[in-house]
C-alpha cells in the first residue's frame, strides 16, 4: 500500500463542486462520493452530491445541469467516457474541469482510441490509466484465490460487463489464474448493472445450480452480496470459498459467511481525487500530476481483519492531505 505524495498546493477555497456518484445503492459508490465531500469540506468547498443511479444517461444530464449551474468543477466515479461524452464536451467547452476515479477515458483502445475528455484522472500508484490498476487488482485477486484453492478447483467468476474497469479487472483475473492456477476451471458468469437485482440474481442462481461442483465463487463488487448474490448462495446450498473484492463485507468475513476480500482504499482514493481537483484549481498541469498512492491488501479471518469496523490503510492519509492543504506538510 503506497502513501500519497506529501507536497502540493494549499487549499483553493470557495469552489462550488458537483460530485456525481456512480450509484448510491452500491456501497462502494456511496463511500467514494461521501468521502470526496468530506475532503471537500477540509478544502473549503461547497459540494452538491448527486446520484447517477449507475445510468450514463442520468449522469450526462447531471453534468449538463452542473454546467448550467456554472460550477467550478465536477468529480465523478465509475462512469466511462463514451456514455457521458456529450456532457464532458459541454463541460470542456465551458472551461469546467472534470476529474474522475475508476472511469475509462475515450482514448482507451476498447473505445477505438478516441479523444481524452476528462480533465484529469486520479494517479494511482504512478499511473492515471484506470485499466492498469484494475488489471493488476484482478491479477492480485486471482493469486490470492489460487492460494486459497490449493491450485485446483472450479471457480465461478461473476463479473460486470457494461463498464470497462470491471472488464479489465476480469481480464487481469483470468490471465493470472492461467498462471497461478492452471489446473483450475473458470466458469464465466457475466451480468450488467441494469440487471441488478432481479435478473442478475436469476443469473447467479442458475450458474450455482448448474455448477454444484464449484469450489469457489469470485466477485469483485462487494455490494452484490446485499443485492441478491448472498440469497443465491444460500438457496443453492453453496459451501465453498467466497472471494470478494473491495473490502466492504468485513462483517460477513467475521461471521464466516464470506471467505476473503482484497480491499482497495476507497476513502484514500476520494481524498486523492479531491487533491487532484485542488491541484487543477491551483494551475498544475492535469497531465503531469503526482501519485496519490493506493494499492490493496489480502484479507481473511486470519489476515488483516480488524476486530470491528472497516479496513483502513496503516498511514494517516487524512492528516497527510490536511497538512498539505494548510501549508504544514513535512
Protein backbone atom coordinates (compact mmCIF):
# COMPACT_ATOMS: atom_id res chain seq x y z
CA UNK A 1 0.00 0.00 0.00
CA UNK A 2 1.54 3.29 -1.13
CA UNK A 3 1.17 6.68 0.59
CA UNK A 4 0.22 9.79 -1.39
CA UNK A 5 2.77 12.42 -2.37
CA UNK A 6 3.15 14.77 0.60
CA UNK A 7 3.77 18.04 -1.25
CA UNK A 8 1.37 20.15 -3.27
CA UNK A 9 -0.61 23.40 -3.35
CA UNK A 10 -2.54 24.68 -0.37
CA UNK A 11 -6.33 24.59 -0.45
CA UNK A 12 -8.08 26.65 -3.11
CA UNK A 13 -11.19 27.52 -1.07
CA UNK A 14 -14.59 28.85 -2.08
CA UNK A 15 -15.14 26.48 -5.01
CA UNK A 16 -18.54 25.06 -5.96
CA UNK A 17 -18.15 21.40 -6.93
CA UNK A 18 -20.67 18.80 -8.02
CA UNK A 19 -19.98 15.20 -7.00
CA UNK A 20 -21.61 12.64 -9.29
CA UNK A 21 -21.98 9.26 -7.61
CA UNK A 22 -21.85 6.11 -9.72
CA UNK A 23 -24.95 4.85 -7.87
CA UNK A 24 -25.78 5.38 -4.21
CA UNK A 25 -27.39 1.93 -3.92
CA UNK A 26 -23.88 0.48 -4.39
CA UNK A 27 -21.85 0.71 -1.21
CA UNK A 28 -18.57 1.49 -2.97
CA UNK A 29 -20.14 4.37 -4.90
CA UNK A 30 -21.67 5.78 -1.74
CA UNK A 31 -18.34 5.61 0.11
CA UNK A 32 -16.46 7.23 -2.76
CA UNK A 33 -18.92 10.11 -3.09
CA UNK A 34 -19.32 10.80 0.62
CA UNK A 35 -15.56 10.59 1.24
CA UNK A 36 -14.97 13.15 -1.50
CA UNK A 37 -17.44 15.53 0.12
CA UNK A 38 -15.65 15.04 3.46
CA UNK A 39 -12.35 16.00 1.84
CA UNK A 40 -14.02 18.93 0.07
CA UNK A 41 -15.12 20.36 3.41
CA UNK A 42 -11.48 20.43 4.52
CA UNK A 43 -10.66 22.31 1.32
CA UNK A 44 -13.37 24.89 1.97
CA UNK A 45 -15.54 23.89 -0.98
CA UNK A 46 -19.31 23.82 -1.34
CA UNK A 47 -20.48 20.49 -2.77
CA UNK A 48 -23.62 19.06 -4.28
CA UNK A 49 -23.72 15.24 -4.25
CA UNK A 50 -25.99 13.83 -6.97
CA UNK A 51 -26.79 10.22 -7.90
CA UNK A 52 -26.34 8.89 -11.44
CA UNK A 53 -28.04 5.62 -10.42
CA UNK A 54 -25.39 3.76 -12.47
CA UNK A 55 -27.05 5.14 -15.62
CA UNK A 56 -24.82 7.05 -18.09
CA UNK A 57 -27.82 8.95 -19.48
CA UNK A 58 -28.65 10.22 -16.00
CA UNK A 59 -25.00 11.10 -15.42
CA UNK A 60 -24.88 13.02 -18.70
CA UNK A 61 -27.92 15.05 -17.67
CA UNK A 62 -26.32 15.79 -14.29
CA UNK A 63 -23.10 17.00 -15.92
CA UNK A 64 -25.10 19.33 -18.16
CA UNK A 65 -27.03 20.61 -15.14
CA UNK A 66 -23.73 21.32 -13.38
CA UNK A 67 -22.51 23.23 -16.44
CA UNK A 68 -25.74 25.25 -16.48
CA UNK A 69 -25.23 25.99 -12.78
CA UNK A 70 -21.76 27.34 -13.62
CA UNK A 71 -19.95 25.21 -11.08
CA UNK A 72 -16.19 25.44 -10.64
CA UNK A 73 -15.54 21.72 -11.00
CA UNK A 74 -17.05 18.25 -11.28
CA UNK A 75 -15.87 14.98 -9.73
CA UNK A 76 -17.30 11.64 -10.80
CA UNK A 77 -16.76 7.94 -10.26
CA UNK A 78 -17.07 4.80 -12.42
CA UNK A 79 -18.70 6.42 -15.42
CA UNK A 80 -16.91 5.61 -18.67
CA UNK A 81 -16.34 8.44 -21.14
CA UNK A 82 -18.36 7.19 -24.15
CA UNK A 83 -21.59 7.03 -22.17
CA UNK A 84 -21.23 10.63 -20.93
CA UNK A 85 -19.46 12.02 -23.99
CA UNK A 86 -21.79 14.94 -24.71
CA UNK A 87 -21.79 16.08 -21.08
CA UNK A 88 -17.98 16.03 -20.91
CA UNK A 89 -17.75 18.07 -24.12
CA UNK A 90 -20.13 20.69 -22.71
CA UNK A 91 -18.06 20.91 -19.53
CA UNK A 92 -14.84 21.32 -21.50
CA UNK A 93 -16.39 24.00 -23.72
CA UNK A 94 -17.45 25.87 -20.57
CA UNK A 95 -13.96 25.57 -19.07
CA UNK A 96 -15.17 23.41 -16.17
CA UNK A 97 -12.67 20.73 -15.10
CA UNK A 98 -13.99 17.17 -14.69
CA UNK A 99 -11.86 14.78 -12.64
CA UNK A 100 -12.50 11.08 -12.23
CA UNK A 101 -11.64 7.83 -10.49
CA UNK A 102 -12.43 4.32 -11.78
CA UNK A 103 -13.67 5.65 -15.13
CA UNK A 104 -12.17 4.91 -18.54
CA UNK A 105 -11.46 7.84 -20.88
CA UNK A 106 -12.45 7.90 -24.55
CA UNK A 107 -8.83 7.37 -25.70
CA UNK A 108 -8.89 3.79 -24.40
CA UNK A 109 -8.25 1.16 -27.12
CA UNK A 110 -11.51 -0.57 -26.18
CA UNK A 111 -13.32 2.58 -27.32
CA UNK A 112 -11.35 2.96 -30.53
CA UNK A 113 -8.64 5.22 -29.13
CA UNK A 114 -10.54 8.50 -29.42
CA UNK A 115 -10.05 11.86 -27.73
CA UNK A 116 -9.42 12.26 -23.99
CA UNK A 117 -12.30 14.18 -22.42
CA UNK A 118 -11.64 14.01 -18.68
CA UNK A 119 -9.55 16.93 -17.43
CA UNK A 120 -7.61 14.75 -15.02
CA UNK A 121 -7.66 11.21 -13.70
CA UNK A 122 -6.51 10.08 -10.28
CA UNK A 123 -2.89 8.94 -10.34
CA UNK A 124 -2.92 5.59 -8.54
CA UNK A 125 0.47 4.04 -7.80
CA UNK A 126 2.12 6.04 -10.58
CA UNK A 127 -0.48 5.62 -13.33
CA UNK A 128 -3.53 7.62 -14.38
CA UNK A 129 -4.72 4.72 -16.56
CA UNK A 130 -7.56 3.00 -14.75
CA UNK A 131 -7.02 -0.12 -16.87
CA UNK A 132 -3.54 -0.57 -15.37
CA UNK A 133 -4.83 -0.57 -11.81
CA UNK A 134 -7.86 -2.77 -12.44
CA UNK A 135 -5.85 -5.38 -14.34
CA UNK A 136 -3.30 -5.51 -11.54
CA UNK A 137 -6.01 -5.74 -8.88
CA UNK A 138 -7.77 -8.51 -10.83
CA UNK A 139 -4.49 -10.37 -11.01
CA UNK A 140 -3.95 -9.96 -7.28
CA UNK A 141 -7.43 -11.38 -6.60
CA UNK A 142 -6.54 -14.38 -8.75
CA UNK A 143 -3.23 -15.02 -6.97
CA UNK A 144 -4.96 -14.93 -3.61
CA UNK A 145 -7.79 -17.22 -4.69
CA UNK A 146 -5.37 -19.69 -6.28
CA UNK A 147 -3.58 -19.94 -2.94
CA UNK A 148 -6.86 -20.49 -1.09
CA UNK A 149 -7.81 -23.23 -3.57
CA UNK A 150 -4.50 -25.00 -3.29
CA UNK A 151 -4.05 -24.86 -7.05
CA UNK A 152 -7.15 -26.68 -8.24
CA UNK A 153 -10.94 -26.46 -8.44
CA UNK A 154 -13.79 -24.95 -10.41
CA UNK A 155 -14.33 -21.20 -9.98
CA UNK A 156 -17.44 -19.19 -10.84
CA UNK A 157 -16.15 -15.74 -11.83
CA UNK A 158 -19.03 -13.26 -11.52
CA UNK A 159 -18.18 -10.15 -13.50
CA UNK A 160 -19.93 -7.00 -14.68
CA UNK A 161 -19.70 -6.28 -18.42
CA UNK A 162 -21.18 -2.82 -19.03
CA UNK A 163 -18.27 -0.84 -17.54
CA UNK A 164 -14.71 -1.20 -18.79
CA UNK A 165 -12.96 -1.07 -15.37
CA UNK A 166 -14.76 -4.23 -14.35
CA UNK A 167 -13.94 -5.82 -17.70
CA UNK A 168 -10.25 -5.04 -17.13
CA UNK A 169 -10.41 -6.49 -13.62
CA UNK A 170 -11.92 -9.66 -15.08
CA UNK A 171 -9.22 -9.83 -17.77
CA UNK A 172 -6.49 -9.46 -15.15
CA UNK A 173 -8.15 -12.16 -13.05
CA UNK A 174 -8.40 -14.63 -15.94
CA UNK A 175 -4.84 -14.00 -17.15
CA UNK A 176 -3.37 -14.53 -13.68
CA UNK A 177 -5.48 -17.62 -12.97
CA UNK A 178 -3.95 -19.24 -16.06
CA UNK A 179 -0.56 -18.68 -14.43
CA UNK A 180 -1.32 -19.23 -10.74
CA UNK A 181 -3.90 -21.98 -11.09
CA UNK A 182 -3.55 -23.71 -14.50
CA UNK A 183 -5.46 -26.74 -13.21
CA UNK A 184 -8.45 -24.60 -12.22
CA UNK A 185 -11.58 -24.46 -14.37
CA UNK A 186 -13.04 -20.96 -14.73
CA UNK A 187 -16.74 -20.52 -15.46
CA UNK A 188 -17.67 -17.01 -16.63
CA UNK A 189 -20.84 -15.61 -15.05
CA UNK A 190 -21.44 -12.23 -16.73
CA UNK A 191 -24.09 -9.68 -15.77
CA UNK A 192 -24.75 -5.95 -16.15
CA UNK A 193 -25.69 -3.32 -13.58
CA UNK A 194 -29.01 -2.84 -15.36
CA UNK A 195 -29.91 -6.44 -14.40
CA UNK A 196 -29.40 -5.90 -10.66
CA UNK A 197 -31.08 -7.10 -8.55
CA UNK A 198 -33.81 -9.33 -10.02
CA UNK A 199 -32.40 -10.50 -13.35
CA UNK A 200 -28.85 -10.72 -12.04
CA UNK A 201 -29.95 -12.84 -9.08
CA UNK A 202 -31.56 -15.26 -11.52
CA UNK A 203 -28.29 -15.41 -13.47
CA UNK A 204 -26.33 -16.20 -10.32
CA UNK A 205 -28.88 -18.77 -9.16
CA UNK A 206 -28.68 -20.55 -12.49
CA UNK A 207 -24.87 -20.62 -12.50
CA UNK A 208 -24.74 -22.04 -8.98
CA UNK A 209 -27.33 -24.71 -9.70
CA UNK A 210 -25.59 -25.73 -12.94
CA UNK A 211 -22.19 -25.93 -11.25
CA UNK A 212 -22.78 -27.66 -7.94
CA UNK A 213 -19.19 -28.91 -8.01
CA UNK A 214 -17.78 -25.37 -7.91
CA UNK A 215 -15.12 -24.89 -5.27
CA UNK A 216 -15.21 -21.09 -5.26
CA UNK A 217 -17.27 -18.07 -6.25
CA UNK A 218 -15.29 -14.96 -7.13
CA UNK A 219 -16.73 -11.44 -7.41
CA UNK A 220 -15.08 -8.02 -7.38
CA UNK A 221 -18.14 -5.92 -6.47
CA UNK A 222 -18.97 -6.46 -2.81
CA UNK A 223 -22.38 -4.77 -2.91
CA UNK A 224 -23.67 -7.73 -4.92
CA UNK A 225 -23.90 -9.76 -1.72
CA UNK A 226 -26.64 -7.43 -0.48
CA UNK A 227 -28.27 -7.20 -3.89
CA UNK A 228 -29.12 -10.84 -4.48
CA UNK A 229 -25.87 -12.81 -4.52
CA UNK A 230 -25.96 -13.81 -0.86
CA UNK A 231 -29.52 -15.03 -1.32
CA UNK A 232 -28.48 -17.06 -4.37
CA UNK A 233 -25.58 -18.62 -2.45
CA UNK A 234 -27.87 -19.58 0.42
CA UNK A 235 -30.58 -21.01 -1.81
CA UNK A 236 -28.08 -23.15 -3.72
CA UNK A 237 -26.52 -24.51 -0.56
CA UNK A 238 -23.04 -23.40 -1.67
CA UNK A 239 -20.39 -24.14 0.96
CA UNK A 240 -17.15 -23.34 -0.87
CA UNK A 241 -14.86 -20.31 -0.97
CA UNK A 242 -16.49 -16.91 -1.49
CA UNK A 243 -13.81 -14.46 -2.62
CA UNK A 244 -14.95 -10.84 -2.62
CA UNK A 245 -13.11 -7.83 -3.89
CA UNK A 246 -13.42 -4.38 -2.38
CA UNK A 247 -13.18 -4.96 1.36
CA UNK A 248 -16.72 -3.83 2.17
CA UNK A 249 -18.13 -7.10 3.53
CA UNK A 250 -15.96 -7.46 6.61
CA UNK A 251 -18.89 -8.39 8.85
CA UNK A 252 -19.61 -11.32 6.52
CA UNK A 253 -15.98 -12.43 6.84
CA UNK A 254 -16.16 -12.13 10.63
CA UNK A 255 -19.37 -14.17 10.66
CA UNK A 256 -17.92 -16.86 8.38
CA UNK A 257 -20.36 -16.13 5.55
CA UNK A 258 -17.65 -14.89 3.20
CA UNK A 259 -14.12 -16.24 2.95
CA UNK A 260 -11.90 -13.41 1.80
CA UNK A 261 -11.51 -9.87 0.47
CA UNK A 262 -8.87 -7.91 -1.45
CA UNK A 263 -9.62 -4.42 -0.09
CA UNK A 264 -8.94 -1.22 -2.00
CA UNK A 265 -8.67 2.10 -0.12
CA UNK A 266 -11.71 3.97 -1.41
CA UNK A 267 -11.52 6.78 1.15
CA UNK A 268 -7.87 7.37 0.26
CA UNK A 269 -8.81 7.45 -3.43
CA UNK A 270 -11.56 10.02 -2.86
CA UNK A 271 -9.31 12.29 -0.84
CA UNK A 272 -6.72 11.85 -3.56
CA UNK A 273 -9.27 12.85 -6.20
CA UNK A 274 -10.15 15.95 -4.18
CA UNK A 275 -6.45 16.75 -4.07
CA UNK A 276 -6.29 16.16 -7.83
CA UNK A 277 -9.02 18.75 -8.42
CA UNK A 278 -7.34 21.12 -5.98
CA UNK A 279 -4.11 20.81 -7.99
CA UNK A 280 -6.05 21.63 -11.17
CA UNK A 281 -7.63 24.67 -9.48
CA UNK A 282 -4.12 25.77 -8.45
CA UNK A 283 -2.94 25.67 -12.05
CA UNK A 284 -0.92 22.44 -12.12
CA UNK A 285 -0.70 20.52 -15.39
CA UNK A 286 -3.55 17.95 -15.31
CA UNK A 287 -1.47 15.52 -17.37
CA UNK A 288 1.56 15.57 -15.04
CA UNK A 289 0.10 15.11 -11.58
CA UNK A 290 1.96 13.00 -9.00
CA UNK A 291 0.85 9.73 -7.45
CA UNK A 292 -1.85 9.82 -4.78
CA UNK A 293 -0.83 6.39 -3.53
CA UNK A 294 -3.13 3.39 -3.36
CA UNK A 295 -2.94 -0.38 -3.66
CA UNK A 296 -4.69 -3.30 -1.97
CA UNK A 297 -4.19 -5.94 0.72
CA UNK A 298 -5.26 -9.57 1.19
CA UNK A 299 -7.78 -10.17 3.96
CA UNK A 300 -9.47 -13.19 5.54
CA UNK A 301 -10.37 -14.23 9.08
CA UNK A 302 -6.69 -14.83 9.87
CA UNK A 303 -5.08 -11.94 7.99
CA UNK A 304 -5.57 -8.15 8.13
CA UNK A 305 -9.12 -8.39 9.52
CA UNK A 306 -9.80 -5.63 12.08
CA UNK A 307 -11.77 -6.66 15.16
CA UNK A 308 -14.53 -4.27 14.16
CA UNK A 309 -15.36 -1.62 11.62
CA UNK A 310 -13.84 -1.21 8.19
CA UNK A 311 -10.32 -1.84 6.95
CA UNK A 312 -8.17 1.28 6.60
CA UNK A 313 -4.59 1.94 5.44
CA UNK A 314 -1.98 1.89 8.17
CA UNK A 315 -0.94 5.50 7.49
CA UNK A 316 -2.97 8.62 8.35
CA UNK A 317 -3.75 9.86 4.84
CA UNK A 318 -6.24 12.45 6.08
CA UNK A 319 -3.52 14.13 8.13
CA UNK A 320 -1.17 13.99 5.13
CA UNK A 321 -3.71 15.84 2.99
CA UNK A 322 -4.92 18.35 5.57
CA UNK A 323 -1.31 19.21 6.42
CA UNK A 324 -0.66 19.82 2.73
CA UNK A 325 -3.78 21.92 2.29
CA UNK A 326 -2.95 24.12 5.27
CA UNK A 327 0.68 24.57 4.20
CA UNK A 328 2.08 22.43 7.02
CA UNK A 329 3.44 19.49 5.01
CA UNK A 330 6.50 17.77 6.38
